[in-house]
N, C-alpha and C. Protein backbone atom coordinates (compact mmCIF):
# COMPACT_ATOMS: atom_id res chain seq x y z
N UNK A 1 121.18 116.05 121.50
CA UNK A 1 120.73 117.34 121.96
C UNK A 1 121.27 117.63 123.36
N UNK A 2 121.28 116.61 124.20
CA UNK A 2 121.76 116.78 125.56
C UNK A 2 123.26 117.10 125.57
N UNK A 3 123.97 116.56 124.60
CA UNK A 3 125.40 116.84 124.51
C UNK A 3 125.64 118.30 124.13
N UNK A 4 124.79 118.86 123.31
CA UNK A 4 124.91 120.26 122.88
C UNK A 4 124.37 121.20 123.96
N UNK A 5 123.38 120.73 124.71
CA UNK A 5 122.75 121.55 125.76
C UNK A 5 122.94 120.85 127.12
N UNK A 6 124.11 120.99 127.73
CA UNK A 6 124.39 120.29 128.98
C UNK A 6 123.47 120.66 130.13
N UNK A 7 122.78 121.79 130.04
CA UNK A 7 121.84 122.16 131.11
C UNK A 7 120.71 121.14 131.22
N UNK A 8 120.35 120.51 130.10
CA UNK A 8 119.33 119.46 130.12
C UNK A 8 119.86 118.26 130.90
N UNK A 9 121.10 117.94 130.66
CA UNK A 9 121.74 116.82 131.35
C UNK A 9 121.82 117.10 132.86
N UNK A 10 122.20 118.29 133.21
CA UNK A 10 122.33 118.64 134.64
C UNK A 10 120.98 118.59 135.34
N UNK A 11 119.89 118.81 134.62
CA UNK A 11 118.55 118.80 135.21
C UNK A 11 117.99 117.39 135.39
N UNK A 12 118.71 116.37 134.96
CA UNK A 12 118.21 115.00 135.02
C UNK A 12 118.36 114.34 136.39
N UNK A 13 118.97 115.01 137.33
CA UNK A 13 119.12 114.43 138.66
C UNK A 13 120.01 113.19 138.66
N UNK A 14 121.10 113.26 137.95
CA UNK A 14 122.01 112.13 137.83
C UNK A 14 122.74 111.85 139.14
N UNK A 15 123.16 110.61 139.36
CA UNK A 15 123.97 110.31 140.54
C UNK A 15 125.26 111.15 140.53
N UNK A 16 125.78 111.40 141.70
CA UNK A 16 126.97 112.26 141.85
C UNK A 16 128.10 111.86 140.91
N UNK A 17 128.38 110.55 140.80
CA UNK A 17 129.50 110.08 140.00
C UNK A 17 129.36 110.30 138.51
N UNK A 18 128.14 110.63 138.05
CA UNK A 18 127.92 110.83 136.61
C UNK A 18 127.71 112.29 136.24
N UNK A 19 127.82 113.17 137.16
CA UNK A 19 127.55 114.59 136.87
C UNK A 19 128.66 115.25 136.06
N UNK A 20 129.83 114.70 136.11
CA UNK A 20 130.93 115.24 135.30
C UNK A 20 130.63 114.91 133.84
N UNK A 21 130.64 115.93 132.99
CA UNK A 21 130.24 115.73 131.59
C UNK A 21 131.17 114.80 130.82
N UNK A 22 132.44 114.79 131.15
CA UNK A 22 133.36 113.85 130.48
C UNK A 22 133.04 112.42 130.90
N UNK A 23 132.78 112.21 132.18
CA UNK A 23 132.49 110.88 132.70
C UNK A 23 131.21 110.32 132.10
N UNK A 24 130.17 111.14 132.07
CA UNK A 24 128.87 110.62 131.61
C UNK A 24 128.93 110.15 130.17
N UNK A 25 129.62 110.89 129.30
CA UNK A 25 129.66 110.49 127.89
C UNK A 25 130.52 109.24 127.73
N UNK A 26 131.62 109.18 128.43
CA UNK A 26 132.46 107.98 128.38
C UNK A 26 131.65 106.76 128.84
N UNK A 27 130.90 106.92 129.91
CA UNK A 27 130.08 105.81 130.45
C UNK A 27 128.94 105.45 129.50
N UNK A 28 128.27 106.44 128.95
CA UNK A 28 127.15 106.15 128.04
C UNK A 28 127.64 105.46 126.77
N UNK A 29 128.74 105.94 126.22
CA UNK A 29 129.27 105.29 125.03
C UNK A 29 129.72 103.87 125.34
N UNK A 30 130.33 103.67 126.50
CA UNK A 30 130.76 102.33 126.90
C UNK A 30 129.56 101.41 127.04
N UNK A 31 128.46 101.92 127.58
CA UNK A 31 127.23 101.13 127.72
C UNK A 31 126.69 100.71 126.36
N UNK A 32 126.72 101.63 125.41
CA UNK A 32 126.26 101.31 124.05
C UNK A 32 127.12 100.21 123.45
N UNK A 33 128.43 100.36 123.54
CA UNK A 33 129.35 99.36 122.99
C UNK A 33 129.16 98.02 123.69
N UNK A 34 129.02 98.03 125.02
CA UNK A 34 128.83 96.78 125.77
C UNK A 34 127.54 96.07 125.34
N UNK A 35 126.46 96.83 125.19
CA UNK A 35 125.20 96.23 124.76
C UNK A 35 125.33 95.63 123.36
N UNK A 36 125.95 96.38 122.46
CA UNK A 36 126.10 95.87 121.09
C UNK A 36 127.01 94.65 121.04
N UNK A 37 128.04 94.61 121.88
CA UNK A 37 128.90 93.43 121.94
C UNK A 37 128.11 92.23 122.46
N UNK A 38 127.28 92.45 123.47
CA UNK A 38 126.42 91.38 124.00
C UNK A 38 125.48 90.86 122.91
N UNK A 39 124.85 91.77 122.20
CA UNK A 39 123.93 91.36 121.14
C UNK A 39 124.67 90.58 120.06
N UNK A 40 125.85 91.04 119.68
CA UNK A 40 126.64 90.34 118.66
C UNK A 40 126.99 88.92 119.12
N UNK A 41 127.42 88.79 120.36
CA UNK A 41 127.78 87.46 120.88
C UNK A 41 126.58 86.51 120.86
N UNK A 42 125.38 87.08 120.89
CA UNK A 42 124.17 86.27 120.90
C UNK A 42 123.49 86.20 119.53
N UNK A 43 124.25 86.51 118.49
CA UNK A 43 123.78 86.28 117.14
C UNK A 43 123.04 87.42 116.46
N UNK A 44 123.02 88.58 117.05
CA UNK A 44 122.33 89.71 116.43
C UNK A 44 123.30 90.48 115.53
N UNK A 45 122.87 90.77 114.32
CA UNK A 45 123.68 91.55 113.38
C UNK A 45 123.24 93.00 113.51
N UNK A 46 124.16 93.89 113.83
CA UNK A 46 123.84 95.30 114.05
C UNK A 46 124.37 96.12 112.88
N UNK A 47 123.48 96.93 112.31
CA UNK A 47 123.84 97.83 111.21
C UNK A 47 123.27 99.19 111.58
N UNK A 48 124.16 100.18 111.69
CA UNK A 48 123.73 101.52 112.12
C UNK A 48 124.02 102.53 111.02
N UNK A 49 123.05 103.41 110.80
CA UNK A 49 123.19 104.43 109.77
C UNK A 49 123.12 105.82 110.37
N UNK A 50 123.99 106.69 109.91
CA UNK A 50 123.93 108.12 110.23
C UNK A 50 123.69 108.82 108.90
N UNK A 51 122.54 109.44 108.77
CA UNK A 51 122.22 110.15 107.54
C UNK A 51 122.77 111.57 107.64
N UNK A 52 123.83 111.82 106.89
CA UNK A 52 124.51 113.11 106.95
C UNK A 52 123.89 114.08 105.96
N UNK A 53 123.27 115.09 106.52
CA UNK A 53 122.63 116.12 105.72
C UNK A 53 123.48 117.38 105.82
N UNK A 54 123.74 118.01 104.68
CA UNK A 54 124.53 119.24 104.70
C UNK A 54 123.68 120.38 105.23
N UNK A 55 124.36 121.42 105.69
CA UNK A 55 123.65 122.59 106.22
C UNK A 55 122.84 123.26 105.11
N UNK A 56 123.37 123.28 103.89
CA UNK A 56 122.64 123.87 102.77
C UNK A 56 121.37 123.08 102.44
N UNK A 57 121.48 121.76 102.47
CA UNK A 57 120.30 120.93 102.19
C UNK A 57 119.26 121.09 103.30
N UNK A 58 119.71 121.19 104.54
CA UNK A 58 118.77 121.41 105.64
C UNK A 58 118.01 122.71 105.42
N UNK A 59 118.73 123.76 105.02
CA UNK A 59 118.09 125.05 104.74
C UNK A 59 117.03 124.90 103.64
N UNK A 60 117.41 124.20 102.58
CA UNK A 60 116.49 123.98 101.45
C UNK A 60 115.22 123.27 101.94
N UNK A 61 115.39 122.26 102.77
CA UNK A 61 114.23 121.50 103.25
C UNK A 61 113.37 122.34 104.21
N UNK A 62 114.00 123.17 105.02
CA UNK A 62 113.23 124.07 105.88
C UNK A 62 112.40 125.03 105.04
N UNK A 63 113.01 125.59 103.98
CA UNK A 63 112.27 126.51 103.11
C UNK A 63 111.09 125.81 102.44
N UNK A 64 111.27 124.56 102.03
CA UNK A 64 110.16 123.79 101.45
C UNK A 64 109.03 123.61 102.46
N UNK A 65 109.40 123.40 103.71
CA UNK A 65 108.38 123.23 104.75
C UNK A 65 107.59 124.51 104.98
N UNK A 66 108.23 125.64 104.73
CA UNK A 66 107.55 126.93 104.86
C UNK A 66 106.72 127.23 103.61
N UNK A 67 107.31 126.99 102.43
CA UNK A 67 106.69 127.39 101.16
C UNK A 67 105.61 126.45 100.66
N UNK A 68 105.70 125.17 101.00
CA UNK A 68 104.72 124.20 100.49
C UNK A 68 103.69 123.88 101.58
N UNK A 69 102.44 124.28 101.38
CA UNK A 69 101.41 124.11 102.41
C UNK A 69 101.29 122.68 102.95
N UNK A 70 101.46 121.69 102.07
CA UNK A 70 101.33 120.31 102.56
C UNK A 70 102.51 119.87 103.41
N UNK A 71 103.55 120.71 103.50
CA UNK A 71 104.71 120.40 104.35
C UNK A 71 104.79 121.32 105.57
N UNK A 72 103.84 122.24 105.69
CA UNK A 72 103.87 123.18 106.82
C UNK A 72 103.89 122.46 108.18
N UNK A 73 103.21 121.34 108.26
CA UNK A 73 103.13 120.61 109.52
C UNK A 73 104.50 120.14 110.00
N UNK A 74 105.45 119.98 109.07
CA UNK A 74 106.79 119.51 109.42
C UNK A 74 107.66 120.63 110.02
N UNK A 75 107.25 121.87 109.82
CA UNK A 75 108.11 122.98 110.24
C UNK A 75 107.96 123.26 111.73
N UNK A 76 109.11 123.46 112.37
CA UNK A 76 109.13 123.83 113.78
C UNK A 76 110.15 124.95 113.98
N UNK A 77 109.74 125.97 114.67
CA UNK A 77 110.64 127.08 114.96
C UNK A 77 111.81 126.60 115.81
N UNK A 78 111.60 125.55 116.59
CA UNK A 78 112.69 124.99 117.41
C UNK A 78 113.84 124.50 116.52
N UNK A 79 113.52 123.99 115.33
CA UNK A 79 114.57 123.55 114.40
C UNK A 79 115.46 124.72 113.98
N UNK A 80 114.85 125.86 113.78
CA UNK A 80 115.62 127.05 113.39
C UNK A 80 116.52 127.47 114.54
N UNK A 81 115.99 127.43 115.74
CA UNK A 81 116.80 127.76 116.92
C UNK A 81 118.00 126.80 117.03
N UNK A 82 117.77 125.51 116.86
CA UNK A 82 118.84 124.51 117.00
C UNK A 82 119.86 124.62 115.88
N UNK A 83 119.45 125.13 114.73
CA UNK A 83 120.37 125.28 113.59
C UNK A 83 121.57 126.15 113.95
N UNK A 84 121.38 127.05 114.90
CA UNK A 84 122.47 127.92 115.35
C UNK A 84 123.60 127.12 115.99
N UNK A 85 123.30 125.92 116.41
CA UNK A 85 124.29 125.06 117.08
C UNK A 85 124.88 124.01 116.13
N UNK A 86 124.79 124.24 114.85
CA UNK A 86 125.19 123.25 113.85
C UNK A 86 126.56 122.64 114.15
N UNK A 87 127.57 123.49 114.33
CA UNK A 87 128.93 122.96 114.54
C UNK A 87 129.03 122.17 115.84
N UNK A 88 128.24 122.54 116.84
CA UNK A 88 128.24 121.79 118.10
C UNK A 88 127.63 120.40 117.90
N UNK A 89 126.56 120.33 117.10
CA UNK A 89 125.95 119.04 116.79
C UNK A 89 126.91 118.16 115.99
N UNK A 90 127.59 118.77 115.03
CA UNK A 90 128.56 118.02 114.23
C UNK A 90 129.62 117.40 115.15
N UNK A 91 130.12 118.19 116.06
CA UNK A 91 131.13 117.72 117.00
C UNK A 91 130.58 116.60 117.89
N UNK A 92 129.35 116.76 118.36
CA UNK A 92 128.72 115.73 119.21
C UNK A 92 128.51 114.43 118.44
N UNK A 93 128.03 114.52 117.20
CA UNK A 93 127.83 113.33 116.39
C UNK A 93 129.15 112.64 116.09
N UNK A 94 130.17 113.42 115.77
CA UNK A 94 131.49 112.83 115.50
C UNK A 94 132.00 112.07 116.72
N UNK A 95 131.85 112.65 117.89
CA UNK A 95 132.31 111.98 119.12
C UNK A 95 131.55 110.68 119.35
N UNK A 96 130.25 110.71 119.15
CA UNK A 96 129.42 109.51 119.34
C UNK A 96 129.77 108.42 118.34
N UNK A 97 129.84 108.78 117.07
CA UNK A 97 130.16 107.79 116.05
C UNK A 97 131.54 107.21 116.27
N UNK A 98 132.50 108.04 116.62
CA UNK A 98 133.86 107.58 116.86
C UNK A 98 133.91 106.62 118.05
N UNK A 99 133.17 106.92 119.10
CA UNK A 99 133.21 106.11 120.32
C UNK A 99 132.39 104.82 120.21
N UNK A 100 131.41 104.79 119.32
CA UNK A 100 130.50 103.63 119.29
C UNK A 100 130.55 102.82 118.00
N UNK A 101 131.44 103.14 117.10
CA UNK A 101 131.59 102.34 115.88
C UNK A 101 132.63 101.26 116.14
N UNK A 102 132.22 100.02 116.00
CA UNK A 102 133.12 98.89 116.24
C UNK A 102 133.06 97.94 115.05
N UNK A 103 133.93 96.96 115.06
CA UNK A 103 133.96 95.97 113.98
C UNK A 103 132.61 95.25 113.85
N UNK A 104 132.01 94.90 114.98
CA UNK A 104 130.75 94.15 114.96
C UNK A 104 129.51 95.03 114.89
N UNK A 105 129.68 96.33 115.12
CA UNK A 105 128.55 97.26 115.06
C UNK A 105 129.02 98.58 114.46
N UNK A 106 129.35 98.56 113.17
CA UNK A 106 129.88 99.79 112.55
C UNK A 106 128.78 100.80 112.24
N UNK A 107 129.18 102.03 112.22
CA UNK A 107 128.31 103.09 111.72
C UNK A 107 128.57 103.25 110.23
N UNK A 108 127.52 103.44 109.47
CA UNK A 108 127.64 103.78 108.06
C UNK A 108 127.15 105.22 107.92
N UNK A 109 128.06 106.11 107.57
CA UNK A 109 127.70 107.51 107.37
C UNK A 109 127.28 107.66 105.91
N UNK A 110 126.02 107.99 105.72
CA UNK A 110 125.44 108.05 104.38
C UNK A 110 125.13 109.49 104.01
N UNK A 111 125.69 109.97 102.89
CA UNK A 111 125.33 111.32 102.44
C UNK A 111 123.84 111.34 102.11
N UNK A 112 123.10 112.27 102.73
CA UNK A 112 121.64 112.23 102.62
C UNK A 112 121.03 113.42 101.90
N UNK A 113 121.85 114.25 101.28
CA UNK A 113 121.27 115.38 100.53
C UNK A 113 120.39 114.88 99.38
N UNK A 114 120.80 113.80 98.76
CA UNK A 114 120.05 113.19 97.66
C UNK A 114 119.34 111.96 98.23
N UNK A 115 118.03 112.10 98.48
CA UNK A 115 117.28 111.01 99.13
C UNK A 115 117.33 109.71 98.34
N UNK A 116 117.25 109.80 97.02
CA UNK A 116 117.27 108.59 96.20
C UNK A 116 118.56 107.82 96.35
N UNK A 117 119.68 108.52 96.25
CA UNK A 117 120.97 107.85 96.40
C UNK A 117 121.18 107.34 97.82
N UNK A 118 120.73 108.11 98.80
CA UNK A 118 120.85 107.66 100.20
C UNK A 118 120.10 106.35 100.38
N UNK A 119 118.90 106.26 99.82
CA UNK A 119 118.11 105.03 99.94
C UNK A 119 118.78 103.86 99.23
N UNK A 120 119.40 104.12 98.08
CA UNK A 120 120.12 103.06 97.36
C UNK A 120 121.32 102.56 98.18
N UNK A 121 122.06 103.49 98.75
CA UNK A 121 123.23 103.12 99.56
C UNK A 121 122.79 102.27 100.75
N UNK A 122 121.76 102.73 101.45
CA UNK A 122 121.27 101.99 102.62
C UNK A 122 120.75 100.62 102.20
N UNK A 123 120.00 100.56 101.12
CA UNK A 123 119.47 99.28 100.63
C UNK A 123 120.59 98.30 100.33
N UNK A 124 121.66 98.77 99.70
CA UNK A 124 122.78 97.89 99.37
C UNK A 124 123.46 97.37 100.63
N UNK A 125 123.65 98.23 101.61
CA UNK A 125 124.28 97.81 102.86
C UNK A 125 123.42 96.78 103.57
N UNK A 126 122.12 96.99 103.59
CA UNK A 126 121.21 96.03 104.23
C UNK A 126 121.24 94.70 103.48
N UNK A 127 121.19 94.75 102.15
CA UNK A 127 121.26 93.51 101.36
C UNK A 127 122.57 92.77 101.61
N UNK A 128 123.68 93.50 101.66
CA UNK A 128 124.98 92.86 101.94
C UNK A 128 124.98 92.21 103.32
N UNK A 129 124.41 92.90 104.31
CA UNK A 129 124.35 92.34 105.67
C UNK A 129 123.49 91.09 105.70
N UNK A 130 122.38 91.10 104.96
CA UNK A 130 121.53 89.91 104.91
C UNK A 130 122.25 88.75 104.20
N UNK A 131 122.96 89.05 103.13
CA UNK A 131 123.72 88.01 102.42
C UNK A 131 124.76 87.38 103.34
N UNK A 132 125.40 88.18 104.18
CA UNK A 132 126.42 87.66 105.10
C UNK A 132 125.84 86.67 106.11
N UNK A 133 124.53 86.76 106.35
CA UNK A 133 123.89 85.84 107.30
C UNK A 133 123.73 84.44 106.72
N UNK A 134 123.86 84.34 105.40
CA UNK A 134 123.76 83.05 104.70
C UNK A 134 122.51 82.27 105.15
N UNK A 135 121.40 82.95 105.10
CA UNK A 135 120.14 82.32 105.50
C UNK A 135 119.61 81.43 104.38
N UNK A 136 118.94 80.37 104.76
CA UNK A 136 118.32 79.47 103.79
C UNK A 136 117.16 78.75 104.47
N UNK A 137 116.22 78.34 103.66
CA UNK A 137 115.12 77.55 104.20
C UNK A 137 115.68 76.21 104.66
N UNK A 138 115.13 75.66 105.72
CA UNK A 138 115.63 74.35 106.19
C UNK A 138 115.29 73.25 105.17
N UNK A 139 116.17 72.28 105.08
CA UNK A 139 115.95 71.14 104.18
C UNK A 139 115.07 70.11 104.89
N UNK A 140 114.19 69.53 104.11
CA UNK A 140 113.32 68.49 104.65
C UNK A 140 114.01 67.14 104.49
N UNK A 141 114.04 66.36 105.55
CA UNK A 141 114.66 65.03 105.49
C UNK A 141 113.70 64.04 104.85
N UNK A 142 114.25 62.92 104.44
CA UNK A 142 113.41 61.86 103.85
C UNK A 142 112.38 61.38 104.86
N UNK A 143 112.80 61.25 106.11
CA UNK A 143 111.88 60.81 107.17
C UNK A 143 110.71 61.79 107.31
N UNK A 144 111.01 63.08 107.30
CA UNK A 144 109.97 64.10 107.43
C UNK A 144 109.04 64.08 106.23
N UNK A 145 109.58 63.85 105.02
CA UNK A 145 108.74 63.76 103.82
C UNK A 145 107.75 62.62 103.96
N UNK A 146 108.22 61.47 104.48
CA UNK A 146 107.31 60.32 104.68
C UNK A 146 106.21 60.68 105.68
N UNK A 147 106.60 61.39 106.76
CA UNK A 147 105.60 61.81 107.75
C UNK A 147 104.56 62.72 107.11
N UNK A 148 105.00 63.67 106.30
CA UNK A 148 104.10 64.60 105.66
C UNK A 148 103.17 63.89 104.67
N UNK A 149 103.71 62.89 103.96
CA UNK A 149 102.85 62.13 103.02
C UNK A 149 101.78 61.38 103.79
N UNK A 150 102.14 60.82 104.94
CA UNK A 150 101.16 60.11 105.76
C UNK A 150 100.09 61.06 106.27
N UNK A 151 100.50 62.23 106.69
CA UNK A 151 99.54 63.24 107.16
C UNK A 151 98.65 63.67 106.01
N UNK A 152 99.23 63.82 104.83
CA UNK A 152 98.46 64.24 103.65
C UNK A 152 97.35 63.24 103.35
N UNK A 153 97.68 61.96 103.43
CA UNK A 153 96.67 60.94 103.16
C UNK A 153 95.50 61.05 104.14
N UNK A 154 95.80 61.43 105.38
CA UNK A 154 94.77 61.56 106.39
C UNK A 154 93.88 62.79 106.21
N UNK A 155 94.35 63.73 105.43
CA UNK A 155 93.54 64.93 105.17
C UNK A 155 92.56 64.65 104.06
């Protein structure tokens, strides 16, 4: 949102060196990449998802929020105002994803118009990432089994 509305950014009281809009985004994206690289080096697996919703699907969901009483609470007039900036948001998201997607912390752009398929895609990616970790329960040694048998007798 701040990328689409730079006046919000200017109101943040940033240090002089970061007030240039090109500089701040380059620095923020670099910070994200640096943090993710640090996490990766320390054994953290990073999986990032961008749920891509089409403008038509967004319209459909907004209408449902208006037409269905149990969804009225989800509706915000601010969303309608922001919808006018659709192409600006697309451009901002593209810049962010391009700058922060790396080999160790890739973005997965998931088509989200169909919630069921989006959930299946995300589930598969998460399962694949977990499989890559090759996790397993630790094996018990013979010595440890003897210790446990001794403890069992004492119980």
